[in-house]
């Protein structure tokens, strides 16, 4: 949207009426369809003196509206460009995190509720840059959006299996480790082949590796997901539902 003054009351009221109208459901081949409207707005000439700049900044405002949950109007500000620049810088650094050995795994103990005994660990990826840990809340969503989560997830699997092998050699006991699998990693074409190669080359007991998969992954493209889950189970891997209750909350449906 282009406007000489986005704060104009009549303009705001017009947008409010437009959003209300868009929210009304409509019929499409017998299906009731609901829509929402996300808007990004810029002021001319405050936010750009030519069409290219105005379009770029309006799109930045639109993306901010979508990230904020959608169905809202976001007016452009210089902060949006600053945040976009910071994200690009962090993404560039994250792309080299594995090769620079900046990623590390922390192992969170898992205890039995029955007797309090140690039954395994959960592997949690952390990014340490210049001696300081970067919050997973900052880089995991970025990795998901950029697709870097696939290569990072593969590294996590490799490192977790290597650690299982080390612990077994040192203690002579089987040690179970759970690894979170992201939706994009689960859907990646080479996911199963990578796991098969990893288990073959390391000779680690597959039952020592548990894959934590979010319930949403299993509900999206259920047939292909179920087929892959059967193949993972056939390898001897353990499977667990992560974030249960945040979406479907039905054991019958999930089973």
C-alpha atoms as a PDB file:
ATOM      1  CA  UNK A   1       0.000   0.000   0.000  1.00  0.00           C
ATOM      2  CA  UNK A   2       1.205   3.502  -0.853  1.00  0.00           C
ATOM      3  CA  UNK A   3      -0.066   6.492   1.055  1.00  0.00           C
ATOM      4  CA  UNK A   4       1.121  10.023   1.752  1.00  0.00           C
ATOM      5  CA  UNK A   5       0.017   9.622   5.368  1.00  0.00           C
ATOM      6  CA  UNK A   6      -0.628   6.103   6.736  1.00  0.00           C
ATOM      7  CA  UNK A   7      -1.845   7.583  10.007  1.00  0.00           C
ATOM      8  CA  UNK A   8      -4.805   9.273   8.299  1.00  0.00           C
ATOM      9  CA  UNK A   9      -7.988   8.249  10.151  1.00  0.00           C
ATOM     10  CA  UNK A  10     -10.072   7.778   7.001  1.00  0.00           C
ATOM     11  CA  UNK A  11      -7.354   5.568   5.522  1.00  0.00           C
ATOM     12  CA  UNK A  12      -7.226   3.414   8.672  1.00  0.00           C
ATOM     13  CA  UNK A  13     -11.006   3.089   8.725  1.00  0.00           C
ATOM     14  CA  UNK A  14     -11.074   2.072   5.054  1.00  0.00           C
ATOM     15  CA  UNK A  15      -8.519  -0.671   5.736  1.00  0.00           C
ATOM     16  CA  UNK A  16     -10.521  -1.877   8.723  1.00  0.00           C
ATOM     17  CA  UNK A  17     -13.635  -2.200   6.562  1.00  0.00           C
ATOM     18  CA  UNK A  18     -11.605  -4.000   3.896  1.00  0.00           C
ATOM     19  CA  UNK A  19     -10.220  -6.522   6.405  1.00  0.00           C
ATOM     20  CA  UNK A  20     -13.702  -7.140   7.813  1.00  0.00           C
ATOM     21  CA  UNK A  21     -15.000  -7.778   4.308  1.00  0.00           C
ATOM     22  CA  UNK A  22     -12.179 -10.214   3.497  1.00  0.00           C
ATOM     23  CA  UNK A  23     -12.877 -12.160   6.699  1.00  0.00           C
ATOM     24  CA  UNK A  24     -16.356 -13.083   5.450  1.00  0.00           C
ATOM     25  CA  UNK A  25     -16.322 -16.735   4.318  1.00  0.00           C
ATOM     26  CA  UNK A  26     -17.132 -17.620   0.726  1.00  0.00           C
ATOM     27  CA  UNK A  27     -18.169 -20.813  -1.023  1.00  0.00           C
ATOM     28  CA  UNK A  28     -15.759 -22.592  -3.369  1.00  0.00           C
ATOM     29  CA  UNK A  29     -17.030 -25.825  -4.933  1.00  0.00           C
ATOM     30  CA  UNK A  30     -19.055 -26.619  -1.848  1.00  0.00           C
ATOM     31  CA  UNK A  31     -16.301 -25.712   0.628  1.00  0.00           C
ATOM     32  CA  UNK A  32     -16.551 -22.791   3.022  1.00  0.00           C
ATOM     33  CA  UNK A  33     -13.332 -20.803   2.695  1.00  0.00           C
ATOM     34  CA  UNK A  34     -12.057 -18.307   5.262  1.00  0.00           C
ATOM     35  CA  UNK A  35      -9.357 -15.751   4.479  1.00  0.00           C
ATOM     36  CA  UNK A  36      -7.429 -13.040   6.263  1.00  0.00           C
ATOM     37  CA  UNK A  37      -5.659  -9.947   4.992  1.00  0.00           C
ATOM     38  CA  UNK A  38      -2.095  -8.946   5.839  1.00  0.00           C
ATOM     39  CA  UNK A  39      -0.969  -5.481   4.747  1.00  0.00           C
ATOM     40  CA  UNK A  40       2.315  -3.611   4.574  1.00  0.00           C
ATOM     41  CA  UNK A  41       2.228   0.165   4.111  1.00  0.00           C
ATOM     42  CA  UNK A  42       4.758   2.881   3.302  1.00  0.00           C
ATOM     43  CA  UNK A  43       4.587   6.680   3.336  1.00  0.00           C
ATOM     44  CA  UNK A  44       5.701   8.653   0.294  1.00  0.00           C
ATOM     45  CA  UNK A  45       8.221  10.263   0.216  1.00  0.00           C
ATOM     46  CA  UNK A  46       9.249   9.490   3.804  1.00  0.00           C
ATOM     47  CA  UNK A  47       9.918   5.804   3.083  1.00  0.00           C
ATOM     48  CA  UNK A  48      11.178   6.113  -0.467  1.00  0.00           C
ATOM     49  CA  UNK A  49      11.329   8.583  -3.325  1.00  0.00           C
ATOM     50  CA  UNK A  50      11.017   6.058  -6.184  1.00  0.00           C
ATOM     51  CA  UNK A  51       8.847   2.978  -6.900  1.00  0.00           C
ATOM     52  CA  UNK A  52      11.645   0.405  -6.403  1.00  0.00           C
ATOM     53  CA  UNK A  53      12.470   1.592  -2.885  1.00  0.00           C
ATOM     54  CA  UNK A  54       8.808   1.949  -1.950  1.00  0.00           C
ATOM     55  CA  UNK A  55       7.986  -1.571  -3.167  1.00  0.00           C
ATOM     56  CA  UNK A  56      10.939  -3.074  -1.300  1.00  0.00           C
ATOM     57  CA  UNK A  57      10.027  -1.327   1.928  1.00  0.00           C
ATOM     58  CA  UNK A  58       6.322  -2.130   1.553  1.00  0.00           C
ATOM     59  CA  UNK A  59       7.238  -5.804   1.132  1.00  0.00           C
ATOM     60  CA  UNK A  60       9.396  -5.639   4.275  1.00  0.00           C
ATOM     61  CA  UNK A  61       6.382  -4.277   6.161  1.00  0.00           C
ATOM     62  CA  UNK A  62       4.158  -7.013   4.694  1.00  0.00           C
ATOM     63  CA  UNK A  63       6.562  -9.744   5.816  1.00  0.00           C
ATOM     64  CA  UNK A  64       6.595  -8.217   9.298  1.00  0.00           C
ATOM     65  CA  UNK A  65       2.781  -8.316   9.365  1.00  0.00           C
ATOM     66  CA  UNK A  66       2.811 -12.006   8.422  1.00  0.00           C
ATOM     67  CA  UNK A  67       5.421 -12.873  11.031  1.00  0.00           C
ATOM     68  CA  UNK A  68       3.347 -11.080  13.661  1.00  0.00           C
ATOM     69  CA  UNK A  69       0.498 -13.504  13.015  1.00  0.00           C
ATOM     70  CA  UNK A  70      -1.105 -11.988   9.941  1.00  0.00           C
ATOM     71  CA  UNK A  71      -4.475 -10.324   9.491  1.00  0.00           C
ATOM     72  CA  UNK A  72      -3.003  -6.952  10.413  1.00  0.00           C
ATOM     73  CA  UNK A  73      -1.515  -3.765   8.996  1.00  0.00           C
ATOM     74  CA  UNK A  74       2.182  -3.077   9.515  1.00  0.00           C
ATOM     75  CA  UNK A  75       3.602   0.350   8.658  1.00  0.00           C
ATOM     76  CA  UNK A  76       7.209   0.409   7.474  1.00  0.00           C
ATOM     77  CA  UNK A  77       9.960   1.621   9.787  1.00  0.00           C
ATOM     78  CA  UNK A  78      13.737   1.794   9.512  1.00  0.00           C
ATOM     79  CA  UNK A  79      13.907  -0.857  12.232  1.00  0.00           C
ATOM     80  CA  UNK A  80      12.479  -3.423   9.816  1.00  0.00           C
ATOM     81  CA  UNK A  81      15.429  -2.968   7.462  1.00  0.00           C
ATOM     82  CA  UNK A  82      17.848  -3.150  10.393  1.00  0.00           C
ATOM     83  CA  UNK A  83      16.257  -6.401  11.599  1.00  0.00           C
ATOM     84  CA  UNK A  84      16.325  -7.844   8.069  1.00  0.00           C
ATOM     85  CA  UNK A  85      20.018  -6.963   7.807  1.00  0.00           C
ATOM     86  CA  UNK A  86      20.758  -8.630  11.137  1.00  0.00           C
ATOM     87  CA  UNK A  87      18.946 -11.784  10.023  1.00  0.00           C
ATOM     88  CA  UNK A  88      20.942 -11.898   6.792  1.00  0.00           C
ATOM     89  CA  UNK A  89      24.190 -11.488   8.727  1.00  0.00           C
ATOM     90  CA  UNK A  90      23.250 -14.231  11.191  1.00  0.00           C
ATOM     91  CA  UNK A  91      22.199 -16.572   8.376  1.00  0.00           C
ATOM     92  CA  UNK A  92      25.577 -16.061   6.671  1.00  0.00           C
ATOM     93  CA  UNK A  93      27.392 -16.865   9.932  1.00  0.00           C
ATOM     94  CA  UNK A  94      25.173 -19.887  10.585  1.00  0.00           C
ATOM     95  CA  UNK A  95      26.010 -21.310   7.157  1.00  0.00           C
ATOM     96  CA  UNK A  96      29.635 -21.633   8.262  1.00  0.00           C
ATOM     97  CA  UNK A  97      28.950 -22.732  11.843  1.00  0.00           C
ATOM     98  CA  UNK A  98      29.433 -26.453  11.153  1.00  0.00           C
ATOM     99  CA  UNK A  99      32.670 -26.133   9.197  1.00  0.00           C
ATOM    100  CA  UNK A 100      34.059 -23.748  11.824  1.00  0.00           C
ATOM    101  CA  UNK A 101      33.099 -26.256  14.560  1.00  0.00           C
ATOM    102  CA  UNK A 102      30.981 -23.667  16.351  1.00  0.00           C
ATOM    103  CA  UNK A 103      28.085 -26.079  16.953  1.00  0.00           C
ATOM    104  CA  UNK A 104      28.088 -28.374  19.952  1.00  0.00           C
ATOM    105  CA  UNK A 105      25.716 -30.834  21.570  1.00  0.00           C
ATOM    106  CA  UNK A 106      24.612 -30.647  25.175  1.00  0.00           C
ATOM    107  CA  UNK A 107      23.175 -33.821  26.679  1.00  0.00           C
ATOM    108  CA  UNK A 108      20.197 -33.436  28.981  1.00  0.00           C
ATOM    109  CA  UNK A 109      19.636 -36.446  31.274  1.00  0.00           C
ATOM    110  CA  UNK A 110      16.361 -38.342  31.059  1.00  0.00           C
ATOM    111  CA  UNK A 111      15.109 -39.999  34.237  1.00  0.00           C
ATOM    112  CA  UNK A 112      12.549 -42.716  34.869  1.00  0.00           C
ATOM    113  CA  UNK A 113       9.481 -41.482  36.727  1.00  0.00           C
ATOM    114  CA  UNK A 114       9.134 -44.925  38.301  1.00  0.00           C
ATOM    115  CA  UNK A 115      12.418 -45.045  40.208  1.00  0.00           C
ATOM    116  CA  UNK A 116      14.410 -41.943  39.246  1.00  0.00           C
ATOM    117  CA  UNK A 117      17.072 -43.945  37.436  1.00  0.00           C
ATOM    118  CA  UNK A 118      18.954 -42.537  34.468  1.00  0.00           C
ATOM    119  CA  UNK A 119      17.485 -43.977  31.258  1.00  0.00           C
ATOM    120  CA  UNK A 120      19.212 -41.863  28.614  1.00  0.00           C
ATOM    121  CA  UNK A 121      19.919 -38.395  27.294  1.00  0.00           C
ATOM    122  CA  UNK A 122      18.417 -35.861  24.916  1.00  0.00           C
ATOM    123  CA  UNK A 123      20.839 -34.181  22.527  1.00  0.00           C
ATOM    124  CA  UNK A 124      20.361 -30.399  22.330  1.00  0.00           C
ATOM    125  CA  UNK A 125      22.244 -28.393  19.699  1.00  0.00           C
ATOM    126  CA  UNK A 126      23.938 -25.170  20.783  1.00  0.00           C
ATOM    127  CA  UNK A 127      25.836 -22.519  18.816  1.00  0.00           C
ATOM    128  CA  UNK A 128      28.892 -21.022  20.486  1.00  0.00           C
ATOM    129  CA  UNK A 129      30.381 -18.037  18.684  1.00  0.00           C
ATOM    130  CA  UNK A 130      33.384 -16.143  20.039  1.00  0.00           C
ATOM    131  CA  UNK A 131      32.987 -17.968  23.355  1.00  0.00           C
ATOM    132  CA  UNK A 132      29.328 -17.006  23.836  1.00  0.00           C
ATOM    133  CA  UNK A 133      26.273 -19.200  23.391  1.00  0.00           C
ATOM    134  CA  UNK A 134      23.641 -17.890  20.987  1.00  0.00           C
ATOM    135  CA  UNK A 135      20.111 -18.661  22.126  1.00  0.00           C
ATOM    136  CA  UNK A 136      18.424 -21.501  20.188  1.00  0.00           C
ATOM    137  CA  UNK A 137      15.358 -19.231  20.029  1.00  0.00           C
ATOM    138  CA  UNK A 138      17.411 -16.989  17.744  1.00  0.00           C
ATOM    139  CA  UNK A 139      19.067 -19.447  15.367  1.00  0.00           C
ATOM    140  CA  UNK A 140      16.744 -22.484  15.211  1.00  0.00           C
ATOM    141  CA  UNK A 141      13.818 -20.586  13.588  1.00  0.00           C
ATOM    142  CA  UNK A 142      16.317 -18.984  11.191  1.00  0.00           C
ATOM    143  CA  UNK A 143      17.737 -22.411  10.344  1.00  0.00           C
ATOM    144  CA  UNK A 144      14.220 -23.714   9.695  1.00  0.00           C
ATOM    145  CA  UNK A 145      13.260 -20.816   7.420  1.00  0.00           C
ATOM    146  CA  UNK A 146      16.521 -20.888   5.437  1.00  0.00           C
ATOM    147  CA  UNK A 147      16.664 -24.677   5.065  1.00  0.00           C
ATOM    148  CA  UNK A 148      19.966 -24.863   6.970  1.00  0.00           C
ATOM    149  CA  UNK A 149      18.211 -27.063   9.534  1.00  0.00           C
ATOM    150  CA  UNK A 150      18.681 -30.055   7.214  1.00  0.00           C
ATOM    151  CA  UNK A 151      22.493 -29.896   7.210  1.00  0.00           C
ATOM    152  CA  UNK A 152      22.559 -28.935  10.901  1.00  0.00           C
ATOM    153  CA  UNK A 153      20.191 -31.806  11.723  1.00  0.00           C
ATOM    154  CA  UNK A 154      22.429 -34.239   9.842  1.00  0.00           C
ATOM    155  CA  UNK A 155      25.424 -33.035  11.859  1.00  0.00           C
ATOM    156  CA  UNK A 156      23.463 -33.488  15.098  1.00  0.00           C
ATOM    157  CA  UNK A 157      22.611 -37.086  14.152  1.00  0.00           C
ATOM    158  CA  UNK A 158      26.228 -37.851  13.260  1.00  0.00           C
ATOM    159  CA  UNK A 159      27.557 -36.305  16.469  1.00  0.00           C
ATOM    160  CA  UNK A 160      24.942 -38.031  18.650  1.00  0.00           C
ATOM    161  CA  UNK A 161      25.705 -41.452  17.133  1.00  0.00           C
ATOM    162  CA  UNK A 162      29.449 -40.823  17.553  1.00  0.00           C
ATOM    163  CA  UNK A 163      28.876 -39.983  21.228  1.00  0.00           C
ATOM    164  CA  UNK A 164      26.789 -43.139  21.742  1.00  0.00           C
ATOM    165  CA  UNK A 165      29.664 -45.158  20.319  1.00  0.00           C
ATOM    166  CA  UNK A 166      32.190 -43.448  22.622  1.00  0.00           C
ATOM    167  CA  UNK A 167      30.080 -43.969  25.740  1.00  0.00           C
ATOM    168  CA  UNK A 168      29.501 -47.621  24.917  1.00  0.00           C
ATOM    169  CA  UNK A 169      33.237 -48.167  24.438  1.00  0.00           C
ATOM    170  CA  UNK A 170      34.071 -46.414  27.712  1.00  0.00           C
ATOM    171  CA  UNK A 171      31.373 -47.962  29.916  1.00  0.00           C
ATOM    172  CA  UNK A 172      30.549 -51.204  28.174  1.00  0.00           C
ATOM    173  CA  UNK A 173      26.865 -50.302  28.522  1.00  0.00           C
ATOM    174  CA  UNK A 174      24.179 -49.296  26.044  1.00  0.00           C
ATOM    175  CA  UNK A 175      23.413 -45.578  26.268  1.00  0.00           C
ATOM    176  CA  UNK A 176      20.217 -44.203  24.683  1.00  0.00           C
ATOM    177  CA  UNK A 177      20.192 -40.729  23.133  1.00  0.00           C
ATOM    178  CA  UNK A 178      17.140 -38.867  21.791  1.00  0.00           C
ATOM    179  CA  UNK A 179      17.493 -36.444  18.887  1.00  0.00           C
ATOM    180  CA  UNK A 180      14.933 -33.880  17.746  1.00  0.00           C
ATOM    181  CA  UNK A 181      14.047 -34.151  14.064  1.00  0.00           C
ATOM    182  CA  UNK A 182      12.768 -30.985  12.406  1.00  0.00           C
ATOM    183  CA  UNK A 183       9.870 -31.099   9.904  1.00  0.00           C
ATOM    184  CA  UNK A 184      12.129 -30.012   7.031  1.00  0.00           C
ATOM    185  CA  UNK A 185      14.741 -32.613   7.931  1.00  0.00           C
ATOM    186  CA  UNK A 186      12.099 -35.352   8.159  1.00  0.00           C
ATOM    187  CA  UNK A 187      10.780 -34.399   4.703  1.00  0.00           C
ATOM    188  CA  UNK A 188      14.230 -34.134   3.090  1.00  0.00           C
ATOM    189  CA  UNK A 189      14.756 -36.734   0.306  1.00  0.00           C
ATOM    190  CA  UNK A 190      18.017 -38.120   1.730  1.00  0.00           C
ATOM    191  CA  UNK A 191      16.905 -38.384   5.367  1.00  0.00           C
ATOM    192  CA  UNK A 192      16.380 -42.169   5.473  1.00  0.00           C
ATOM    193  CA  UNK A 193      19.485 -42.946   3.388  1.00  0.00           C
ATOM    194  CA  UNK A 194      21.627 -40.800   5.679  1.00  0.00           C
ATOM    195  CA  UNK A 195      20.385 -42.662   8.739  1.00  0.00           C
ATOM    196  CA  UNK A 196      20.962 -46.055   7.117  1.00  0.00           C
ATOM    197  CA  UNK A 197      24.543 -45.128   6.141  1.00  0.00           C
ATOM    198  CA  UNK A 198      25.206 -43.735   9.619  1.00  0.00           C
ATOM    199  CA  UNK A 199      24.073 -46.906  11.381  1.00  0.00           C
ATOM    200  CA  UNK A 200      25.980 -49.123   8.941  1.00  0.00           C
ATOM    201  CA  UNK A 201      29.289 -47.289   9.284  1.00  0.00           C
ATOM    202  CA  UNK A 202      29.199 -46.844  13.080  1.00  0.00           C
ATOM    203  CA  UNK A 203      27.724 -50.262  14.012  1.00  0.00           C
ATOM    204  CA  UNK A 204      25.767 -48.568  16.804  1.00  0.00           C
ATOM    205  CA  UNK A 205      22.750 -50.475  18.096  1.00  0.00           C
ATOM    206  CA  UNK A 206      19.785 -48.680  16.422  1.00  0.00           C
ATOM    207  CA  UNK A 207      17.678 -49.075  19.577  1.00  0.00           C
ATOM    208  CA  UNK A 208      20.057 -46.638  21.302  1.00  0.00           C
ATOM    209  CA  UNK A 209      18.938 -43.836  19.003  1.00  0.00           C
ATOM    210  CA  UNK A 210      15.519 -42.271  19.568  1.00  0.00           C
ATOM    211  CA  UNK A 211      14.034 -39.852  17.047  1.00  0.00           C
ATOM    212  CA  UNK A 212      11.713 -37.202  18.481  1.00  0.00           C
ATOM    213  CA  UNK A 213       9.249 -36.158  15.794  1.00  0.00           C
ATOM    214  CA  UNK A 214       6.610 -33.463  16.275  1.00  0.00           C
ATOM    215  CA  UNK A 215       3.000 -34.516  15.912  1.00  0.00           C
ATOM    216  CA  UNK A 216       2.442 -31.943  13.159  1.00  0.00           C
ATOM    217  CA  UNK A 217       4.985 -33.738  10.941  1.00  0.00           C
ATOM    218  CA  UNK A 218       2.953 -36.929  11.114  1.00  0.00           C
ATOM    219  CA  UNK A 219      -0.325 -35.189  10.328  1.00  0.00           C
ATOM    220  CA  UNK A 220       0.942 -33.380   7.224  1.00  0.00           C
ATOM    221  CA  UNK A 221       1.127 -35.854   4.358  1.00  0.00           C
ATOM    222  CA  UNK A 222       0.085 -38.651   6.686  1.00  0.00           C
ATOM    223  CA  UNK A 223       0.462 -41.506   4.168  1.00  0.00           C
ATOM    224  CA  UNK A 224       4.073 -40.728   3.238  1.00  0.00           C
ATOM    225  CA  UNK A 225       4.900 -39.929   6.876  1.00  0.00           C
ATOM    226  CA  UNK A 226       3.502 -43.267   8.057  1.00  0.00           C
ATOM    227  CA  UNK A 227       5.439 -45.131   5.356  1.00  0.00           C
ATOM    228  CA  UNK A 228       8.667 -43.442   6.469  1.00  0.00           C
ATOM    229  CA  UNK A 229       7.922 -44.127  10.143  1.00  0.00           C
ATOM    230  CA  UNK A 230       7.482 -47.831   9.348  1.00  0.00           C
ATOM    231  CA  UNK A 231      10.866 -47.882   7.607  1.00  0.00           C
ATOM    232  CA  UNK A 232      12.519 -46.091  10.538  1.00  0.00           C
ATOM    233  CA  UNK A 233      10.952 -48.558  12.952  1.00  0.00           C
ATOM    234  CA  UNK A 234      12.173 -51.434  10.742  1.00  0.00           C
ATOM    235  CA  UNK A 235      15.728 -50.155  11.189  1.00  0.00           C
ATOM    236  CA  UNK A 236      15.299 -50.719  14.943  1.00  0.00           C
ATOM    237  CA  UNK A 237      15.178 -47.031  15.877  1.00  0.00           C
ATOM    238  CA  UNK A 238      12.996 -45.768  18.704  1.00  0.00           C
ATOM    239  CA  UNK A 239      10.361 -43.168  17.858  1.00  0.00           C
ATOM    240  CA  UNK A 240       8.815 -40.556  20.133  1.00  0.00           C
ATOM    241  CA  UNK A 241       6.208 -37.831  19.683  1.00  0.00           C
ATOM    242  CA  UNK A 242       7.555 -34.369  20.512  1.00  0.00           C
ATOM    243  CA  UNK A 243       5.325 -31.415  21.490  1.00  0.00           C
ATOM    244  CA  UNK A 244       2.352 -33.730  22.026  1.00  0.00           C
ATOM    245  CA  UNK A 245      -0.780 -31.811  22.947  1.00  0.00           C
ATOM    246  CA  UNK A 246       0.086 -28.625  21.074  1.00  0.00           C
ATOM    247  CA  UNK A 247      -1.957 -29.607  18.053  1.00  0.00           C
ATOM    248  CA  UNK A 248      -4.102 -32.721  17.949  1.00  0.00           C
ATOM    249  CA  UNK A 249      -4.001 -33.954  21.554  1.00  0.00           C
ATOM    250  CA  UNK A 250      -5.629 -37.238  20.534  1.00  0.00           C
ATOM    251  CA  UNK A 251      -3.846 -40.526  21.155  1.00  0.00           C
ATOM    252  CA  UNK A 252      -6.437 -42.348  19.063  1.00  0.00           C
ATOM    253  CA  UNK A 253      -5.912 -40.042  16.082  1.00  0.00           C
ATOM    254  CA  UNK A 254      -2.127 -40.136  16.390  1.00  0.00           C
ATOM    255  CA  UNK A 255      -2.036 -43.918  16.696  1.00  0.00           C
END
